[in-house]
């Protein structure tokens, strides 16, 4: 049986079980095949599992839509950011020459990268839409390198399941599974529309996940941790809604 046929069979089984026996039983089937998201517990957990399992089985390798340059938004929206702290201002005053992205966890070669080192890799660009959970969106050309290049450089171990990524603000972080981490459109972004990435849009470095909603695209990246479990990090996301509740861990679109 081909991988595609096997995936279709599993997702049909999960969906059919959800309809006949309820989401709880469907969630147990998803768990058997490693398709359970970190926020699977609680009232909405089985529904989150069904959504995530369906997306992973049917759209694991799908690409976000890319646009021609004529569709770039002018100017790109720079949404509200938290007050910038003294450490950020110090680095900004130095042209971000001392900015570092450290990578640790279950990797062979924990490394700290400067912006210059990241820019020494072959650059890539994509013209994709950033869609916010609040309803607004804009299209921009994002310039950087695939996250997979950095993960290859540090030697991710086979048991890795997630990448947790942190802003310079220690309370601002999120995580993705390895399917998204290794996806060719998942970027460490340092440029926008032919120039440096503006601070208002997350400069000097942000993660770009065009297949997920805006809150997963954390700004001001300084640290990545590769892990096989998110238990030490809570539910796997520090993102919170304006009403004070946490957003779903998986925000695929």
Protein backbone atom coordinates (compact mmCIF):
# COMPACT_ATOMS: atom_id res chain seq x y z
CA UNK A 1 0.00 0.00 0.00
CA UNK A 2 1.36 3.45 -0.92
CA UNK A 3 1.99 6.11 1.74
CA UNK A 4 -0.80 8.26 0.27
CA UNK A 5 -3.29 5.39 0.38
CA UNK A 6 -2.26 4.57 3.95
CA UNK A 7 -2.74 8.20 5.01
CA UNK A 8 -6.17 8.32 3.39
CA UNK A 9 -7.16 5.09 5.13
CA UNK A 10 -6.07 6.39 8.54
CA UNK A 11 -7.79 9.77 8.20
CA UNK A 12 -10.98 8.14 6.96
CA UNK A 13 -10.87 5.88 10.00
CA UNK A 14 -10.33 8.83 12.34
CA UNK A 15 -13.10 10.85 10.73
CA UNK A 16 -15.54 7.93 10.63
CA UNK A 17 -14.86 7.11 14.25
CA UNK A 18 -15.40 10.74 15.23
CA UNK A 19 -18.80 10.66 13.54
CA UNK A 20 -19.96 7.33 14.88
CA UNK A 21 -18.33 6.88 18.28
CA UNK A 22 -17.34 10.42 19.21
CA UNK A 23 -14.24 12.57 19.20
CA UNK A 24 -12.72 10.83 22.22
CA UNK A 25 -12.37 7.49 20.41
CA UNK A 26 -11.08 9.25 17.29
CA UNK A 27 -8.44 10.94 19.42
CA UNK A 28 -7.26 7.55 20.68
CA UNK A 29 -6.85 6.34 17.10
CA UNK A 30 -4.87 9.49 16.28
CA UNK A 31 -2.62 8.85 19.29
CA UNK A 32 -1.82 5.39 17.97
CA UNK A 33 -0.37 6.98 14.83
CA UNK A 34 1.48 9.84 16.58
CA UNK A 35 -1.03 12.48 15.48
CA UNK A 36 -1.86 14.07 18.83
CA UNK A 37 -1.05 17.77 19.40
CA UNK A 38 0.28 19.04 22.76
CA UNK A 39 -3.07 20.68 23.62
CA UNK A 40 -5.05 17.46 23.26
CA UNK A 41 -6.36 17.59 26.83
CA UNK A 42 -9.36 19.56 28.02
CA UNK A 43 -12.79 20.32 26.64
CA UNK A 44 -11.64 21.07 23.08
CA UNK A 45 -8.78 18.57 23.03
CA UNK A 46 -10.40 15.83 20.91
CA UNK A 47 -11.44 18.42 18.33
CA UNK A 48 -7.92 19.87 18.24
CA UNK A 49 -6.58 16.34 17.71
CA UNK A 50 -8.95 15.65 14.83
CA UNK A 51 -7.99 18.94 13.15
CA UNK A 52 -4.26 18.37 13.57
CA UNK A 53 -4.41 14.71 12.50
CA UNK A 54 -6.41 15.59 9.39
CA UNK A 55 -4.00 18.37 8.41
CA UNK A 56 -0.91 16.24 8.95
CA UNK A 57 -2.24 13.27 7.02
CA UNK A 58 -3.60 15.18 4.03
CA UNK A 59 -1.55 18.40 3.76
CA UNK A 60 1.82 17.61 5.36
CA UNK A 61 3.76 18.67 2.25
CA UNK A 62 1.39 21.28 0.87
CA UNK A 63 2.69 24.77 0.07
CA UNK A 64 1.23 28.12 1.07
CA UNK A 65 0.18 30.26 -1.87
CA UNK A 66 2.92 32.51 -3.24
CA UNK A 67 2.09 35.79 -5.00
CA UNK A 68 3.62 37.97 -7.74
CA UNK A 69 5.42 41.17 -6.72
CA UNK A 70 2.47 43.23 -7.92
CA UNK A 71 0.43 41.89 -4.99
CA UNK A 72 2.84 43.07 -2.26
CA UNK A 73 1.05 45.29 0.25
CA UNK A 74 2.27 48.91 0.38
CA UNK A 75 3.13 49.61 3.07
CA UNK A 76 3.19 46.24 4.87
CA UNK A 77 1.34 46.38 8.16
CA UNK A 78 3.48 46.60 11.28
CA UNK A 79 1.16 45.55 14.06
CA UNK A 80 1.55 46.52 17.69
CA UNK A 81 4.56 45.10 19.51
CA UNK A 82 5.33 45.03 23.24
CA UNK A 83 7.58 47.81 24.60
CA UNK A 84 11.17 47.15 23.61
CA UNK A 85 13.43 46.48 26.58
CA UNK A 86 16.88 47.90 27.27
CA UNK A 87 18.71 44.80 25.99
CA UNK A 88 16.94 45.07 22.63
CA UNK A 89 17.69 48.80 22.41
CA UNK A 90 21.37 48.15 23.15
CA UNK A 91 21.60 45.57 20.38
CA UNK A 92 19.69 47.83 18.00
CA UNK A 93 22.08 50.72 18.72
CA UNK A 94 24.93 48.47 17.63
CA UNK A 95 23.24 47.59 14.35
CA UNK A 96 22.40 44.14 15.75
CA UNK A 97 26.02 43.06 15.26
CA UNK A 98 25.89 41.29 18.63
CA UNK A 99 22.51 39.63 18.03
CA UNK A 100 22.70 35.87 18.43
CA UNK A 101 20.43 32.93 17.69
CA UNK A 102 21.37 30.02 19.94
CA UNK A 103 20.27 26.48 19.11
CA UNK A 104 20.35 23.69 21.70
CA UNK A 105 18.44 20.63 22.87
CA UNK A 106 18.71 17.21 21.27
CA UNK A 107 21.24 18.24 18.65
CA UNK A 108 24.78 17.07 17.96
CA UNK A 109 26.36 20.53 17.83
CA UNK A 110 24.70 23.23 19.96
CA UNK A 111 25.59 26.50 18.24
CA UNK A 112 25.15 30.24 18.54
CA UNK A 113 24.73 32.02 15.18
CA UNK A 114 25.27 35.70 14.49
CA UNK A 115 23.11 37.47 11.93
CA UNK A 116 26.15 37.63 9.66
CA UNK A 117 26.51 33.85 9.87
CA UNK A 118 22.85 33.31 9.07
CA UNK A 119 23.14 35.68 6.12
CA UNK A 120 26.16 33.74 4.84
CA UNK A 121 23.88 30.84 3.95
CA UNK A 122 22.26 30.98 0.48
CA UNK A 123 19.27 33.28 0.89
CA UNK A 124 15.77 32.44 -0.22
CA UNK A 125 12.67 34.56 -0.65
CA UNK A 126 8.93 34.02 -0.76
CA UNK A 127 6.03 36.37 -1.38
CA UNK A 128 3.35 35.09 0.97
CA UNK A 129 0.50 36.41 3.05
CA UNK A 130 0.68 36.83 6.80
CA UNK A 131 -2.80 36.23 8.18
CA UNK A 132 -3.60 37.34 11.70
CA UNK A 133 -6.08 35.56 13.94
CA UNK A 134 -7.67 39.01 14.46
CA UNK A 135 -8.76 39.14 10.82
CA UNK A 136 -6.21 41.41 9.11
CA UNK A 137 -3.57 40.30 6.62
CA UNK A 138 -0.87 41.59 4.31
CA UNK A 139 1.42 40.25 1.59
CA UNK A 140 5.17 40.79 1.67
CA UNK A 141 8.37 39.40 0.23
CA UNK A 142 10.14 37.60 3.07
CA UNK A 143 13.89 37.07 2.76
CA UNK A 144 15.92 34.64 4.81
CA UNK A 145 16.89 31.00 4.94
CA UNK A 146 14.88 27.85 5.55
CA UNK A 147 14.92 26.80 9.19
CA UNK A 148 15.91 23.34 7.96
CA UNK A 149 19.36 24.68 6.96
CA UNK A 150 20.13 25.67 10.56
CA UNK A 151 18.73 22.40 11.89
CA UNK A 152 20.95 20.49 9.48
CA UNK A 153 23.95 22.53 10.62
CA UNK A 154 23.44 21.64 14.30
CA UNK A 155 22.64 17.98 13.61
CA UNK A 156 19.14 17.28 14.87
CA UNK A 157 18.89 13.85 16.44
CA UNK A 158 16.37 11.30 15.12
CA UNK A 159 14.11 11.40 18.20
CA UNK A 160 13.36 15.12 17.73
CA UNK A 161 9.65 15.95 17.56
CA UNK A 162 9.41 19.69 18.15
CA UNK A 163 11.28 22.96 17.81
CA UNK A 164 10.56 25.54 20.52
CA UNK A 165 11.48 29.10 19.56
CA UNK A 166 11.90 32.11 21.82
CA UNK A 167 11.81 35.87 21.38
CA UNK A 168 14.19 38.20 23.19
CA UNK A 169 11.14 38.74 25.41
CA UNK A 170 11.31 35.59 27.59
CA UNK A 171 7.52 35.41 27.88
CA UNK A 172 7.06 35.30 24.10
CA UNK A 173 7.64 31.88 22.61
CA UNK A 174 5.96 29.11 20.68
CA UNK A 175 6.67 25.72 19.12
CA UNK A 176 6.11 23.66 15.98
CA UNK A 177 6.47 20.00 15.10
CA UNK A 178 9.24 18.72 12.87
CA UNK A 179 6.94 18.60 9.83
CA UNK A 180 6.62 22.39 9.96
CA UNK A 181 10.21 22.93 11.11
CA UNK A 182 11.55 21.11 8.03
CA UNK A 183 8.99 22.53 5.60
CA UNK A 184 10.70 24.46 2.76
CA UNK A 185 8.62 27.60 3.39
CA UNK A 186 9.45 27.82 7.10
CA UNK A 187 12.01 30.63 7.21
CA UNK A 188 14.30 32.39 9.61
CA UNK A 189 13.53 35.79 8.14
CA UNK A 190 15.88 38.78 8.23
CA UNK A 191 14.67 40.77 5.22
CA UNK A 192 11.47 42.17 3.75
CA UNK A 193 10.68 43.61 0.34
CA UNK A 194 14.32 43.89 -0.69
CA UNK A 195 15.53 45.53 2.54
CA UNK A 196 16.28 44.65 6.16
CA UNK A 197 13.36 43.32 8.18
CA UNK A 198 11.89 46.34 10.02
CA UNK A 199 11.67 46.18 13.80
CA UNK A 200 7.90 46.64 13.57
CA UNK A 201 7.72 43.45 11.53
CA UNK A 202 10.00 41.46 13.83
CA UNK A 203 13.50 42.58 12.83
CA UNK A 204 16.22 41.70 13.01
CA UNK A 205 15.00 38.07 12.99
CA UNK A 206 11.64 36.36 13.12
CA UNK A 207 10.25 32.97 12.22
CA UNK A 208 8.00 32.88 9.19
CA UNK A 209 5.36 30.14 8.96
CA UNK A 210 3.12 30.95 5.99
CA UNK A 211 1.01 27.85 6.60
CA UNK A 212 0.04 29.00 10.11
CA UNK A 213 -1.69 32.03 11.60
CA UNK A 214 0.23 35.13 12.58
CA UNK A 215 0.68 34.41 16.29
CA UNK A 216 2.89 31.42 15.47
CA UNK A 217 5.28 33.77 13.61
CA UNK A 218 7.19 34.98 16.68
CA UNK A 219 9.33 38.12 16.34
CA UNK A 220 12.84 38.98 17.63
CA UNK A 221 14.13 35.39 17.70
CA UNK A 222 17.11 34.63 19.94
CA UNK A 223 16.86 30.96 20.86
CA UNK A 224 15.71 27.60 19.49
CA UNK A 225 15.42 24.37 21.48
CA UNK A 226 14.95 21.03 19.72
CA UNK A 227 13.09 18.54 21.90
CA UNK A 228 11.24 15.24 21.91
CA UNK A 229 8.61 16.49 24.39
CA UNK A 230 6.89 19.75 25.29
CA UNK A 231 6.07 18.74 28.87
CA UNK A 232 8.75 21.04 30.26
CA UNK A 233 7.30 23.96 28.28
CA UNK A 234 3.64 23.74 29.25
CA UNK A 235 1.16 23.14 26.46
CA UNK A 236 3.62 24.23 23.81
CA UNK A 237 2.71 27.87 23.28
CA UNK A 238 2.92 31.10 25.24
CA UNK A 239 0.63 32.87 22.76
CA UNK A 240 -2.52 34.26 24.33
CA UNK A 241 -5.64 35.87 22.99
CA UNK A 242 -6.76 39.39 23.80
CA UNK A 243 -9.35 37.85 26.14
CA UNK A 244 -6.60 36.20 28.17
CA UNK A 245 -7.03 32.62 26.96
CA UNK A 246 -4.46 30.68 25.03
CA UNK A 247 -4.77 30.11 21.30
CA UNK A 248 -4.68 26.60 19.83
CA UNK A 249 -1.19 25.12 19.51
CA UNK A 250 -1.75 24.17 15.88
CA UNK A 251 -2.84 27.14 13.76
CA UNK A 252 -2.74 25.67 10.26
CA UNK A 253 -4.48 27.55 7.44
